[in-house]
Amino acid sequence: MIFSIQTYLEDYFNRRGLRDADQYAVALSKLYDRERHAKTAPDFLAAMKRIRTIFYKRNDHIQRDTFDHKMLALLDSKFKKKRLFFVSKAVAERVEASGNGLARLPRVTIRKFLEEFKSTIEAEAVNSFWESRTKGILKKRPEKLGQELLGVFARTKLAARGSAIREAVSGIGFVDVLLTFSSGLLHVVELKMLKGKDIPGPAQLETYMNHKKRPEGWLVFFDARKPIMRRAVPTIFKRASGTIRTLLIEINPVPPSKRTDA
C-alpha cells in the first residue's frame, strides 16, 4: 500500500509542477499507511502538519492548511476504502495486539521478524484464508490476504524501528515486500501459497534479488496443504544470485480434537 500511495503522490506533485526536494511524498505515504485507519480526519490533519518538510517553502504559492485538506480528501477517496479489503477489522486488531516479542528485542532481524509473524498468523489468522477449511476451499487471492496481514503486522510492530513497502517495482515485476530495519539493509520477501506438490517462487525471487542487488532473499509460504499431502520444503535454495531462505506458516493445521498422542 505504501508504494501505491507514494507513486500516486509523486505523480500528483509532478503533474502540478510541485517540487519535492526532501521526499515529502514518502513521509506522507508512510504516515497515511501507518496511522490513517486509527485517526479521525482532524487528528490525521494534525499529524500531517507535524511532518517536518521544506515542501511548502519550495512551493510557497500553496497554503499548507488548504493543501493538506485537499490531499487528505484525495487520498481517502482513492485508498481509505481499500484498506483491509482482504483483512477484516477484527482479524487486523488481533494481529496488531499479538507479536509483542519484537518489542523486547534490542535489535530486530529479518529472521526474528518473520518468525514472530509466523507465530502471530498461526495463532490469530488461520481461518481468514479459508472460505471452508473442511472442504479445502481457499478465499480468492489468498496471497493478497497474506500481503495485507504482513503489512498490518509490520505497521504496528516496526513503528520507528523499520518499514515495509508492499508490491515494490523490481524490473518489470513487483516484489511482494521489501523490509528494512534500523540498519537500513534491504530485505526482499516473496509470499506464496503452498497447495500441492509444486514449490513456487524460487526463480521469481532470484530475479528480484538480482534487481535489488541482494545476495539473500526470503520465501514465505502459507502452507494450505492437507497434513497427509505435505512434503518437506528445503530450508535453503542455493541460486547463482545467492541464498533463498524459506519459512512455512501453517494455515491448515490438524484440529486439536483430532490430534493423537504419539
Protein backbone atom coordinates (compact mmCIF):
# COMPACT_ATOMS: atom_id res chain seq x y z
CA MET A 1 0.00 0.00 0.00
CA ILE A 2 2.80 2.45 0.86
CA PHE A 3 4.29 2.17 -2.62
CA SER A 4 0.93 2.80 -4.29
CA ILE A 5 0.32 5.88 -2.14
CA GLN A 6 3.84 7.18 -2.74
CA THR A 7 3.52 6.73 -6.51
CA TYR A 8 0.15 8.50 -6.51
CA LEU A 9 1.54 11.47 -4.55
CA GLU A 10 4.67 11.78 -6.67
CA ASP A 11 2.62 11.72 -9.87
CA TYR A 12 0.23 14.30 -8.44
CA PHE A 13 3.08 16.63 -7.46
CA ASN A 14 4.82 16.21 -10.82
CA ARG A 15 1.66 16.97 -12.81
CA ARG A 16 1.27 20.24 -10.92
CA GLY A 17 4.91 21.25 -11.08
CA LEU A 18 5.41 20.94 -7.31
CA ARG A 19 8.98 20.39 -6.17
CA ASP A 20 9.55 17.67 -3.58
CA ALA A 21 13.16 18.23 -2.53
CA ASP A 22 13.05 16.24 0.73
CA GLN A 23 10.69 13.38 -0.23
CA TYR A 24 7.56 14.73 1.41
CA ALA A 25 5.60 12.20 -0.68
CA VAL A 26 7.45 9.34 1.04
CA ALA A 27 6.88 10.75 4.53
CA LEU A 28 3.18 11.38 3.87
CA SER A 29 2.62 7.94 2.33
CA LYS A 30 4.21 6.23 5.35
CA LEU A 31 2.12 8.31 7.74
CA TYR A 32 -1.08 7.57 5.84
CA ASP A 33 -0.44 3.83 5.69
CA ARG A 34 0.56 3.65 9.35
CA GLU A 35 -1.95 5.94 11.06
CA ARG A 36 -4.94 6.89 8.89
CA HIS A 37 -7.00 3.84 9.85
CA ALA A 38 -6.90 4.78 13.54
CA LYS A 39 -7.36 8.56 13.35
CA THR A 40 -10.23 10.91 12.68
CA ALA A 41 -9.74 13.43 9.89
CA PRO A 42 -8.87 16.33 12.27
CA ASP A 43 -6.38 14.14 14.16
CA PHE A 44 -4.74 12.98 10.96
CA LEU A 45 -4.53 16.53 9.62
CA ALA A 46 -2.75 17.47 12.84
CA ALA A 47 -0.33 14.59 12.29
CA MET A 48 0.28 15.76 8.71
CA LYS A 49 1.16 19.20 10.00
CA ARG A 50 3.82 17.70 12.27
CA ILE A 51 5.75 16.29 9.30
CA ARG A 52 8.95 18.30 9.06
CA THR A 53 9.46 19.25 5.43
CA ILE A 54 10.64 22.05 3.17
CA PHE A 55 7.94 21.12 0.65
CA TYR A 56 5.81 24.17 1.46
CA LYS A 57 8.77 26.55 1.43
CA ARG A 58 9.81 25.35 -2.01
CA ASN A 59 6.19 25.66 -3.19
CA ASP A 60 5.27 28.87 -1.42
CA HIS A 61 2.36 29.62 -3.74
CA ILE A 62 0.26 26.98 -1.93
CA GLN A 63 -1.19 27.36 1.55
CA ARG A 64 -0.40 24.38 3.79
CA ASP A 65 -3.72 24.02 5.64
CA THR A 66 -5.76 24.21 2.45
CA PHE A 67 -3.43 21.86 0.60
CA ASP A 68 -3.39 19.34 3.49
CA HIS A 69 -7.18 19.20 3.49
CA LYS A 70 -7.19 18.66 -0.27
CA MET A 71 -4.54 15.93 -0.13
CA LEU A 72 -6.33 14.06 2.64
CA ALA A 73 -9.59 14.13 0.70
CA LEU A 74 -7.82 12.83 -2.41
CA LEU A 75 -6.02 10.06 -0.50
CA ASP A 76 -9.20 8.99 1.28
CA SER A 77 -11.15 8.85 -1.95
CA LYS A 78 -8.53 6.59 -3.54
CA PHE A 79 -7.13 4.50 -0.68
CA LYS A 80 -9.17 4.55 2.51
CA LYS A 81 -11.90 2.16 1.34
CA LYS A 82 -9.24 -0.22 0.01
CA ARG A 83 -7.52 -0.61 3.36
CA LEU A 84 -8.04 -4.00 4.92
CA PHE A 85 -10.06 -5.07 1.88
CA PHE A 86 -8.75 -8.59 2.35
CA VAL A 87 -8.29 -8.45 6.14
CA SER A 88 -11.31 -7.95 8.38
CA LYS A 89 -11.11 -5.35 11.11
CA ALA A 90 -11.43 -8.00 13.83
CA VAL A 91 -8.51 -10.02 12.44
CA ALA A 92 -6.40 -6.89 11.98
CA GLU A 93 -6.98 -5.94 15.61
CA ARG A 94 -5.93 -9.41 16.79
CA VAL A 95 -2.79 -9.29 14.65
CA GLU A 96 -1.95 -5.83 15.94
CA ALA A 97 -2.35 -7.00 19.54
CA SER A 98 -0.08 -10.04 19.07
CA GLY A 99 3.59 -10.45 18.32
CA ASN A 100 4.83 -8.36 21.22
CA GLY A 101 8.06 -10.35 21.46
CA LEU A 102 9.71 -8.00 18.98
CA ALA A 103 9.37 -5.05 21.34
CA ARG A 104 11.66 -6.77 23.86
CA LEU A 105 14.47 -7.28 21.37
CA PRO A 106 17.33 -4.75 21.32
CA ARG A 107 17.61 -5.30 17.56
CA VAL A 108 15.07 -6.66 15.08
CA THR A 109 16.42 -9.05 12.46
CA ILE A 110 14.62 -10.34 9.38
CA ARG A 111 14.55 -13.87 10.81
CA LYS A 112 13.09 -12.78 14.15
CA PHE A 113 10.55 -10.55 12.42
CA LEU A 114 9.31 -13.31 10.10
CA GLU A 115 9.27 -15.92 12.88
CA GLU A 116 7.13 -13.60 15.02
CA PHE A 117 4.85 -13.01 12.03
CA LYS A 118 4.53 -16.77 11.58
CA SER A 119 3.57 -17.27 15.24
CA THR A 120 1.02 -14.47 15.04
CA ILE A 121 -0.68 -15.78 11.90
CA GLU A 122 -0.83 -19.35 13.19
CA ALA A 123 -2.37 -18.12 16.44
CA GLU A 124 -4.74 -15.43 15.17
CA ALA A 125 -5.47 -15.52 11.44
CA VAL A 126 -5.59 -19.08 10.06
CA ASN A 127 -9.33 -19.03 9.34
CA SER A 128 -9.00 -15.77 7.40
CA PHE A 129 -7.55 -17.67 4.45
CA TRP A 130 -10.50 -20.04 4.02
CA GLU A 131 -13.99 -19.98 2.65
CA SER A 132 -14.27 -23.52 4.00
CA ARG A 133 -11.28 -25.28 5.52
CA THR A 134 -13.18 -28.57 5.87
CA LYS A 135 -13.91 -28.52 2.12
CA GLY A 136 -10.44 -27.23 1.21
CA ILE A 137 -11.74 -24.01 -0.38
CA LEU A 138 -9.42 -21.03 -0.03
CA LYS A 139 -10.63 -17.46 -0.32
CA LYS A 140 -9.98 -15.64 -3.57
CA ARG A 141 -6.49 -14.17 -3.92
CA PRO A 142 -5.14 -15.60 -0.64
CA GLU A 143 -1.63 -14.30 -1.37
CA LYS A 144 -3.03 -10.76 -1.32
CA LEU A 145 -4.51 -11.53 2.09
CA GLY A 146 -1.08 -12.65 3.23
CA GLN A 147 0.42 -9.38 1.98
CA GLU A 148 -2.19 -7.36 3.84
CA LEU A 149 -1.57 -9.31 7.04
CA LEU A 150 2.16 -8.74 6.76
CA GLY A 151 1.51 -5.03 6.16
CA VAL A 152 -0.71 -4.80 9.26
CA PHE A 153 1.87 -6.68 11.33
CA ALA A 154 4.80 -4.57 10.10
CA ARG A 155 2.98 -1.29 10.60
CA THR A 156 2.29 -1.93 14.28
CA LYS A 157 5.40 -3.92 15.24
CA LEU A 158 8.12 -1.99 13.47
CA ALA A 159 6.94 1.57 14.16
CA ALA A 160 10.15 3.66 14.12
CA ARG A 161 12.40 0.57 14.00
CA GLY A 162 11.87 -0.17 10.33
CA SER A 163 9.44 -0.11 7.44
CA ALA A 164 7.74 -2.33 4.89
CA ILE A 165 7.00 -1.45 1.26
CA ARG A 166 4.49 -3.70 -0.47
CA GLU A 167 4.49 -4.52 -4.19
CA ALA A 168 7.63 -2.53 -4.91
CA VAL A 169 8.76 -2.30 -8.52
CA SER A 170 11.53 -4.74 -9.44
CA GLY A 171 12.38 -4.78 -13.14
CA ILE A 172 9.09 -5.45 -14.94
CA GLY A 173 7.55 -7.16 -11.91
CA PHE A 174 6.57 -6.36 -8.35
CA VAL A 175 8.26 -7.97 -5.37
CA ASP A 176 5.71 -8.67 -2.62
CA VAL A 177 7.50 -6.94 0.26
CA LEU A 178 10.71 -5.02 0.88
CA LEU A 179 11.62 -4.75 4.56
CA THR A 180 14.18 -2.53 6.24
CA PHE A 181 15.16 -2.33 9.89
CA SER A 182 17.33 0.08 11.86
CA SER A 183 20.46 -0.97 9.96
CA GLY A 184 18.91 0.25 6.71
CA LEU A 185 19.67 -3.06 4.97
CA LEU A 186 17.05 -4.05 2.39
CA HIS A 187 15.40 -7.48 2.68
CA VAL A 188 13.49 -8.97 -0.25
CA VAL A 189 10.48 -11.10 0.75
CA GLU A 190 8.15 -13.04 -1.54
CA LEU A 191 4.91 -14.63 -0.27
CA LYS A 192 3.48 -17.78 -1.84
CA MET A 193 0.72 -20.30 -1.20
CA LEU A 194 1.64 -23.98 -0.90
CA LYS A 195 -1.28 -26.03 -2.21
CA GLY A 196 0.21 -29.09 -3.90
CA LYS A 197 3.49 -30.74 -4.85
CA ASP A 198 4.96 -27.72 -6.63
CA ILE A 199 7.15 -25.25 -4.74
CA PRO A 200 6.51 -21.86 -6.36
CA GLY A 201 8.67 -18.79 -6.11
CA PRO A 202 12.44 -19.51 -6.10
CA ALA A 203 13.05 -18.41 -9.72
CA GLN A 204 10.87 -15.33 -9.30
CA LEU A 205 12.57 -14.31 -6.05
CA GLU A 206 16.01 -14.85 -7.56
CA THR A 207 15.13 -12.35 -10.29
CA TYR A 208 14.09 -9.78 -7.69
CA MET A 209 17.30 -10.39 -5.71
CA ASN A 210 19.26 -9.66 -8.87
CA HIS A 211 17.37 -6.43 -9.49
CA LYS A 212 17.83 -5.25 -5.89
CA LYS A 213 21.46 -6.48 -5.78
CA ARG A 214 20.78 -8.58 -2.70
CA PRO A 215 22.60 -11.91 -2.09
CA GLU A 216 19.82 -13.20 0.16
CA GLY A 217 16.03 -13.35 -0.03
CA TRP A 218 13.16 -14.85 1.95
CA LEU A 219 10.42 -17.04 0.51
CA VAL A 220 7.48 -17.23 2.94
CA PHE A 221 4.96 -20.00 2.29
CA PHE A 222 1.42 -20.11 3.62
CA ASP A 223 1.07 -23.89 3.80
CA ALA A 224 -2.50 -24.82 2.85
CA ARG A 225 -1.73 -28.47 2.14
CA LYS A 226 -3.51 -31.25 3.97
CA PRO A 227 -1.21 -32.89 6.52
CA ILE A 228 -1.16 -36.17 4.59
CA MET A 229 -0.04 -34.36 1.40
CA ARG A 230 2.85 -32.46 2.95
CA ARG A 231 6.32 -32.99 1.59
CA ALA A 232 9.36 -31.35 3.10
CA VAL A 233 10.33 -27.96 1.71
CA PRO A 234 14.06 -27.10 1.67
CA THR A 235 15.03 -24.52 4.26
CA ILE A 236 17.51 -23.06 1.78
CA PHE A 237 17.69 -22.80 -2.01
CA LYS A 238 21.13 -22.06 -3.43
CA ARG A 239 20.98 -19.99 -6.60
CA ALA A 240 23.51 -18.17 -8.76
CA SER A 241 22.30 -14.88 -7.28
CA GLY A 242 22.69 -16.05 -3.69
CA THR A 243 20.73 -17.78 -0.95
CA ILE A 244 16.95 -18.07 -0.69
CA ARG A 245 15.73 -18.92 2.81
CA THR A 246 12.27 -20.34 3.38
CA LEU A 247 9.72 -20.10 6.16
CA LEU A 248 6.47 -22.11 6.35
CA ILE A 249 3.36 -20.72 8.01
CA GLU A 250 0.82 -23.45 8.68
CA ILE A 251 -2.70 -22.37 7.75
CA ASN A 252 -4.24 -25.83 7.56
CA PRO A 253 -3.40 -27.39 10.93
CA VAL A 254 -4.86 -30.57 12.32
CA PRO A 255 -7.74 -29.59 14.67
CA PRO A 256 -6.85 -30.18 18.34
CA SER A 257 -9.78 -32.59 18.68
CA LYS A 258 -8.28 -34.87 16.00
CA ARG A 259 -4.75 -34.93 17.30
CA THR A 260 -3.45 -38.09 18.92
CA ASP A 261 -0.64 -38.54 21.40
CA ALA A 262 2.47 -40.07 19.87
